[in-house]
Amino acid sequence: MSKGKKKNKVNPELEGLNVEVDTFGEIKFNYNIDKINEFLDKNVDDKKLNNKPKDKKTDDQ
């Protein structure tokens, strides 16, 4: 098998996104962070922003 970089599957809305971690552990990417955040806001539920689950007790008890 060749040592060339394998192209990862990416959602079509994020085509061209390339994320790498350098030797210092810093995340490097070639995409506008605002576009990434917009995509995540639209496609991923934020558990911290959702209402907390209701109490398990039912009204008929």
N, C-alpha and C. Protein backbone atom coordinates (compact mmCIF):
# COMPACT_ATOMS: atom_id res chain seq x y z
N MET A 1 0.85 -1.19 0.00
CA MET A 1 0.00 0.00 0.00
C MET A 1 0.88 1.24 0.00
N SER A 2 0.52 2.23 -0.76
CA SER A 2 1.33 3.44 -0.85
C SER A 2 1.20 4.29 0.40
N LYS A 3 2.19 5.15 0.60
CA LYS A 3 2.19 5.99 1.79
C LYS A 3 1.52 7.34 1.54
N GLY A 4 0.82 7.50 0.42
CA GLY A 4 0.12 8.74 0.11
C GLY A 4 -1.02 8.97 1.09
N LYS A 5 -1.40 10.23 1.23
CA LYS A 5 -2.49 10.55 2.16
C LYS A 5 -3.82 10.09 1.57
N LYS A 6 -4.62 9.47 2.41
CA LYS A 6 -5.95 9.00 2.04
C LYS A 6 -6.94 10.15 2.20
N LYS A 7 -7.79 10.33 1.22
CA LYS A 7 -8.79 11.40 1.29
C LYS A 7 -9.96 10.92 2.12
N ASN A 8 -10.31 11.69 3.15
CA ASN A 8 -11.42 11.35 4.04
C ASN A 8 -12.76 11.72 3.42
N LYS A 9 -13.81 11.01 3.86
CA LYS A 9 -15.16 11.33 3.42
C LYS A 9 -15.62 12.58 4.17
N VAL A 10 -16.20 13.52 3.44
CA VAL A 10 -16.64 14.79 4.02
C VAL A 10 -18.03 15.09 3.49
N ASN A 11 -18.87 15.66 4.35
CA ASN A 11 -20.17 16.12 3.91
C ASN A 11 -19.96 17.10 2.75
N PRO A 12 -20.79 17.02 1.71
CA PRO A 12 -20.62 17.91 0.55
C PRO A 12 -20.58 19.40 0.91
N GLU A 13 -21.26 19.78 1.97
CA GLU A 13 -21.24 21.19 2.39
C GLU A 13 -19.87 21.62 2.89
N LEU A 14 -19.04 20.66 3.30
CA LEU A 14 -17.71 20.97 3.83
C LEU A 14 -16.61 20.47 2.90
N GLU A 15 -16.92 20.31 1.62
CA GLU A 15 -15.94 19.82 0.66
C GLU A 15 -14.71 20.73 0.67
N GLY A 16 -13.55 20.12 0.74
CA GLY A 16 -12.30 20.87 0.78
C GLY A 16 -11.75 21.06 2.19
N LEU A 17 -12.50 20.64 3.19
CA LEU A 17 -12.06 20.77 4.58
C LEU A 17 -10.89 19.83 4.83
N ASN A 18 -9.85 20.36 5.44
CA ASN A 18 -8.68 19.56 5.79
C ASN A 18 -8.29 19.92 7.21
N VAL A 19 -8.32 18.94 8.12
CA VAL A 19 -7.98 19.17 9.52
C VAL A 19 -6.77 18.31 9.86
N GLU A 20 -5.77 18.92 10.49
CA GLU A 20 -4.57 18.20 10.90
C GLU A 20 -4.19 18.66 12.31
N VAL A 21 -3.51 17.77 13.03
CA VAL A 21 -2.97 18.11 14.34
C VAL A 21 -1.46 18.12 14.20
N ASP A 22 -0.83 19.27 14.54
CA ASP A 22 0.62 19.35 14.39
C ASP A 22 1.34 18.69 15.57
N THR A 23 2.65 18.72 15.56
CA THR A 23 3.44 18.04 16.59
C THR A 23 3.26 18.64 17.98
N PHE A 24 2.74 19.86 18.05
CA PHE A 24 2.50 20.50 19.34
C PHE A 24 1.07 20.29 19.83
N GLY A 25 0.27 19.54 19.07
CA GLY A 25 -1.11 19.27 19.44
C GLY A 25 -2.08 20.36 19.01
N GLU A 26 -1.60 21.31 18.22
CA GLU A 26 -2.48 22.38 17.73
C GLU A 26 -3.28 21.88 16.54
N ILE A 27 -4.55 22.22 16.52
CA ILE A 27 -5.42 21.82 15.41
C ILE A 27 -5.29 22.87 14.31
N LYS A 28 -4.95 22.40 13.12
CA LYS A 28 -4.80 23.28 11.95
C LYS A 28 -5.81 22.87 10.92
N PHE A 29 -6.50 23.84 10.33
CA PHE A 29 -7.44 23.52 9.27
C PHE A 29 -7.46 24.63 8.26
N ASN A 30 -7.90 24.31 7.05
CA ASN A 30 -7.86 25.24 5.94
C ASN A 30 -9.25 25.77 5.58
N TYR A 31 -10.12 25.85 6.54
CA TYR A 31 -11.51 26.22 6.26
C TYR A 31 -11.91 27.33 7.21
N ASN A 32 -12.79 28.17 6.79
CA ASN A 32 -13.27 29.28 7.60
C ASN A 32 -14.02 28.75 8.83
N ILE A 33 -13.59 29.13 10.01
CA ILE A 33 -14.20 28.64 11.26
C ILE A 33 -15.67 29.02 11.35
N ASP A 34 -16.05 30.16 10.80
CA ASP A 34 -17.45 30.57 10.82
C ASP A 34 -18.32 29.62 9.99
N LYS A 35 -17.79 29.14 8.86
CA LYS A 35 -18.54 28.19 8.05
C LYS A 35 -18.69 26.86 8.77
N ILE A 36 -17.64 26.44 9.48
CA ILE A 36 -17.71 25.20 10.24
C ILE A 36 -18.74 25.32 11.35
N ASN A 37 -18.73 26.42 12.08
CA ASN A 37 -19.69 26.64 13.16
C ASN A 37 -21.12 26.70 12.63
N GLU A 38 -21.31 27.35 11.50
CA GLU A 38 -22.65 27.42 10.88
C GLU A 38 -23.14 26.02 10.53
N PHE A 39 -22.26 25.19 9.96
CA PHE A 39 -22.60 23.82 9.61
C PHE A 39 -22.97 23.03 10.86
N LEU A 40 -22.17 23.15 11.92
CA LEU A 40 -22.43 22.41 13.15
C LEU A 40 -23.73 22.86 13.81
N ASP A 41 -24.00 24.18 13.82
CA ASP A 41 -25.24 24.68 14.39
C ASP A 41 -26.45 24.11 13.67
N LYS A 42 -26.34 23.95 12.36
CA LYS A 42 -27.45 23.47 11.55
C LYS A 42 -27.64 21.95 11.66
N ASN A 43 -26.56 21.21 11.86
CA ASN A 43 -26.62 19.75 11.75
C ASN A 43 -26.40 18.98 13.03
N VAL A 44 -26.02 19.63 14.12
CA VAL A 44 -25.72 18.91 15.36
C VAL A 44 -26.51 19.54 16.51
N ASP A 45 -27.22 18.70 17.26
CA ASP A 45 -27.95 19.19 18.43
C ASP A 45 -26.97 19.46 19.56
N ASP A 46 -27.10 20.60 20.21
CA ASP A 46 -26.26 20.95 21.35
C ASP A 46 -27.00 20.55 22.62
N LYS A 47 -26.52 19.54 23.31
CA LYS A 47 -27.20 19.02 24.50
C LYS A 47 -27.30 20.07 25.60
N LYS A 48 -26.35 20.98 25.66
CA LYS A 48 -26.36 22.01 26.70
C LYS A 48 -27.48 23.03 26.47
N LEU A 49 -27.89 23.20 25.22
CA LEU A 49 -28.92 24.19 24.92
C LEU A 49 -30.33 23.61 24.97
N ASN A 50 -30.46 22.30 24.92
CA ASN A 50 -31.77 21.67 25.00
C ASN A 50 -32.30 21.75 26.42
N ASN A 51 -33.62 21.73 26.56
CA ASN A 51 -34.22 21.72 27.89
C ASN A 51 -33.84 20.45 28.62
N LYS A 52 -33.71 20.56 29.92
CA LYS A 52 -33.41 19.36 30.71
C LYS A 52 -34.62 18.45 30.68
N PRO A 53 -34.40 17.12 30.76
CA PRO A 53 -35.54 16.20 30.74
C PRO A 53 -36.47 16.44 31.93
N LYS A 54 -37.74 16.24 31.68
CA LYS A 54 -38.72 16.43 32.75
C LYS A 54 -38.57 15.36 33.80
N ASP A 55 -39.10 15.62 34.98
CA ASP A 55 -39.07 14.66 36.07
C ASP A 55 -39.78 13.38 35.64
N LYS A 56 -39.31 12.24 36.08
CA LYS A 56 -39.87 10.95 35.66
C LYS A 56 -41.27 10.70 36.22
N LYS A 57 -41.70 11.46 37.22
CA LYS A 57 -43.04 11.28 37.78
C LYS A 57 -44.10 11.65 36.74
N THR A 58 -45.20 10.91 36.75
CA THR A 58 -46.30 11.24 35.83
C THR A 58 -47.37 11.99 36.60
N ASP A 59 -48.21 12.70 35.87
CA ASP A 59 -49.26 13.51 36.49
C ASP A 59 -50.34 12.67 37.16
N ASP A 60 -50.54 11.40 36.74
CA ASP A 60 -51.63 10.61 37.29
C ASP A 60 -51.22 9.84 38.53
N GLN A 61 -50.12 10.16 39.17
CA GLN A 61 -49.74 9.50 40.41
C GLN A 61 -50.08 10.37 41.60
